[in-house]
N, C-alpha and C. Protein backbone atom coordinates (compact mmCIF):
# COMPACT_ATOMS: atom_id res chain seq x y z
N UNK A 1 -15.95 28.64 -43.03
CA UNK A 1 -17.24 29.23 -42.82
C UNK A 1 -17.36 30.54 -43.61
N UNK A 2 -16.31 31.33 -43.58
CA UNK A 2 -16.34 32.62 -44.28
C UNK A 2 -16.51 32.41 -45.78
N UNK A 3 -15.77 31.47 -46.35
CA UNK A 3 -15.90 31.18 -47.78
C UNK A 3 -17.31 30.70 -48.11
N UNK A 4 -17.90 29.87 -47.25
CA UNK A 4 -19.25 29.36 -47.46
C UNK A 4 -20.25 30.51 -47.46
N UNK A 5 -20.13 31.41 -46.49
CA UNK A 5 -21.05 32.54 -46.40
C UNK A 5 -20.93 33.45 -47.61
N UNK A 6 -19.71 33.71 -48.02
CA UNK A 6 -19.49 34.57 -49.18
C UNK A 6 -20.05 33.93 -50.45
N UNK A 7 -19.85 32.64 -50.62
CA UNK A 7 -20.38 31.92 -51.79
C UNK A 7 -21.90 31.91 -51.78
N UNK A 8 -22.50 31.69 -50.61
CA UNK A 8 -23.96 31.70 -50.51
C UNK A 8 -24.52 33.07 -50.86
N UNK A 9 -23.86 34.11 -50.41
CA UNK A 9 -24.31 35.47 -50.72
C UNK A 9 -24.24 35.73 -52.22
N UNK A 10 -23.16 35.32 -52.83
CA UNK A 10 -23.00 35.51 -54.27
C UNK A 10 -24.04 34.71 -55.05
N UNK A 11 -24.22 33.46 -54.66
CA UNK A 11 -25.16 32.57 -55.35
C UNK A 11 -26.60 33.09 -55.26
N UNK A 12 -26.95 33.71 -54.14
CA UNK A 12 -28.32 34.17 -53.91
C UNK A 12 -28.51 35.67 -54.14
N UNK A 13 -27.48 36.32 -54.67
CA UNK A 13 -27.54 37.76 -54.91
C UNK A 13 -27.83 38.55 -53.64
N UNK A 14 -27.22 38.13 -52.53
CA UNK A 14 -27.35 38.82 -51.25
C UNK A 14 -26.15 39.73 -51.07
N UNK A 15 -26.32 40.78 -50.30
CA UNK A 15 -25.19 41.60 -49.91
C UNK A 15 -24.28 40.83 -48.96
N UNK A 16 -23.03 41.20 -48.91
CA UNK A 16 -22.07 40.51 -48.04
C UNK A 16 -21.06 41.52 -47.53
N UNK A 17 -20.85 41.54 -46.23
CA UNK A 17 -19.82 42.39 -45.62
C UNK A 17 -18.85 41.48 -44.88
N UNK A 18 -17.58 41.60 -45.19
CA UNK A 18 -16.55 40.79 -44.54
C UNK A 18 -16.09 41.48 -43.27
N UNK A 19 -16.61 41.03 -42.14
CA UNK A 19 -16.16 41.54 -40.85
C UNK A 19 -14.99 40.71 -40.32
N UNK A 20 -14.94 39.45 -40.72
CA UNK A 20 -13.96 38.52 -40.16
C UNK A 20 -12.52 38.99 -40.35
N UNK A 21 -12.14 39.26 -41.58
CA UNK A 21 -10.74 39.58 -41.85
C UNK A 21 -10.28 40.88 -41.19
N UNK A 22 -11.01 41.99 -41.32
CA UNK A 22 -10.53 43.21 -40.66
C UNK A 22 -10.56 43.11 -39.13
N UNK A 23 -11.56 42.43 -38.57
CA UNK A 23 -11.61 42.32 -37.12
C UNK A 23 -10.51 41.40 -36.59
N UNK A 24 -10.19 40.36 -37.34
CA UNK A 24 -9.08 39.49 -36.96
C UNK A 24 -7.77 40.26 -37.01
N UNK A 25 -7.60 41.08 -38.03
CA UNK A 25 -6.39 41.90 -38.15
C UNK A 25 -6.25 42.84 -36.96
N UNK A 26 -7.35 43.48 -36.56
CA UNK A 26 -7.32 44.38 -35.39
C UNK A 26 -6.98 43.59 -34.14
N UNK A 27 -7.64 42.45 -33.94
CA UNK A 27 -7.36 41.63 -32.76
C UNK A 27 -5.88 41.24 -32.69
N UNK A 28 -5.33 40.76 -33.79
CA UNK A 28 -3.93 40.33 -33.79
C UNK A 28 -2.98 41.50 -33.53
N UNK A 29 -3.26 42.63 -34.15
CA UNK A 29 -2.41 43.80 -33.96
C UNK A 29 -2.43 44.25 -32.50
N UNK A 30 -3.62 44.33 -31.92
CA UNK A 30 -3.74 44.81 -30.54
C UNK A 30 -3.27 43.77 -29.52
N UNK A 31 -3.43 42.49 -29.84
CA UNK A 31 -2.95 41.45 -28.93
C UNK A 31 -1.43 41.39 -28.89
N UNK A 32 -0.78 41.89 -29.92
CA UNK A 32 0.69 41.98 -29.89
C UNK A 32 1.14 42.98 -28.83
N UNK A 33 0.29 43.96 -28.54
CA UNK A 33 0.58 44.97 -27.51
C UNK A 33 0.05 44.55 -26.13
N UNK A 34 -1.13 43.90 -26.14
CA UNK A 34 -1.80 43.49 -24.91
C UNK A 34 -2.48 42.15 -25.16
N UNK A 35 -1.94 41.11 -24.59
CA UNK A 35 -2.43 39.75 -24.87
C UNK A 35 -3.87 39.52 -24.43
N UNK A 36 -4.42 40.39 -23.59
CA UNK A 36 -5.79 40.22 -23.12
C UNK A 36 -6.81 40.95 -24.00
N UNK A 37 -6.34 41.70 -24.99
CA UNK A 37 -7.25 42.44 -25.86
C UNK A 37 -8.08 41.49 -26.71
N UNK A 38 -9.36 41.80 -26.85
CA UNK A 38 -10.22 41.04 -27.75
C UNK A 38 -11.49 41.83 -28.06
N UNK A 39 -11.90 41.79 -29.31
CA UNK A 39 -13.19 42.34 -29.71
C UNK A 39 -14.30 41.33 -29.48
N UNK A 40 -13.92 40.10 -29.14
CA UNK A 40 -14.87 39.00 -28.89
C UNK A 40 -14.49 38.28 -27.60
N UNK A 41 -14.49 38.98 -26.46
CA UNK A 41 -13.91 38.42 -25.24
C UNK A 41 -14.72 37.33 -24.56
N UNK A 42 -16.02 37.30 -24.75
CA UNK A 42 -16.85 36.36 -23.99
C UNK A 42 -16.70 34.93 -24.45
N UNK A 43 -16.71 34.72 -25.77
CA UNK A 43 -16.62 33.34 -26.28
C UNK A 43 -15.70 33.24 -27.50
N UNK A 44 -14.98 34.30 -27.80
CA UNK A 44 -14.03 34.37 -28.91
C UNK A 44 -14.73 34.29 -30.28
N UNK A 45 -16.07 34.44 -30.29
CA UNK A 45 -16.82 34.43 -31.54
C UNK A 45 -17.69 35.68 -31.66
N UNK A 46 -18.49 35.94 -30.63
CA UNK A 46 -19.45 37.03 -30.69
C UNK A 46 -18.84 38.31 -30.12
N UNK A 47 -18.98 39.42 -30.84
CA UNK A 47 -18.36 40.67 -30.40
C UNK A 47 -19.06 41.27 -29.18
N UNK A 48 -18.27 42.01 -28.40
CA UNK A 48 -18.83 42.78 -27.30
C UNK A 48 -19.18 44.17 -27.84
N UNK A 49 -19.46 45.13 -26.96
CA UNK A 49 -19.83 46.47 -27.42
C UNK A 49 -18.74 47.11 -28.27
N UNK A 50 -17.48 46.92 -27.89
CA UNK A 50 -16.38 47.47 -28.70
C UNK A 50 -16.35 46.82 -30.08
N UNK A 51 -16.56 45.52 -30.11
CA UNK A 51 -16.59 44.80 -31.38
C UNK A 51 -17.74 45.28 -32.27
N UNK A 52 -18.89 45.53 -31.66
CA UNK A 52 -20.02 46.04 -32.44
C UNK A 52 -19.73 47.44 -32.99
N UNK A 53 -19.03 48.25 -32.23
CA UNK A 53 -18.66 49.56 -32.72
C UNK A 53 -17.73 49.45 -33.92
N UNK A 54 -16.78 48.54 -33.86
CA UNK A 54 -15.89 48.31 -35.00
C UNK A 54 -16.68 47.82 -36.20
N UNK A 55 -17.62 46.91 -35.98
CA UNK A 55 -18.46 46.42 -37.08
C UNK A 55 -19.25 47.55 -37.72
N UNK A 56 -19.82 48.43 -36.90
CA UNK A 56 -20.58 49.57 -37.44
C UNK A 56 -19.66 50.46 -38.27
N UNK A 57 -18.46 50.70 -37.78
CA UNK A 57 -17.51 51.51 -38.53
C UNK A 57 -17.16 50.86 -39.87
N UNK A 58 -16.90 49.56 -39.84
CA UNK A 58 -16.55 48.85 -41.08
C UNK A 58 -17.72 48.84 -42.07
N UNK A 59 -18.94 48.73 -41.55
CA UNK A 59 -20.11 48.69 -42.40
C UNK A 59 -20.32 50.02 -43.09
């Protein structure tokens, strides 16, 4: 999905911000310390308030 989105953005001259890779890295790092940690706790896809804060920082 990420590759598709990035290709579509390039093909259509749209801006593209990769949230997936840095947020996954944060999740994995923090889950090594606390297995219940998640920036997407409700459905493992959509971020909660903490996840949105990380996205704003990355943006």
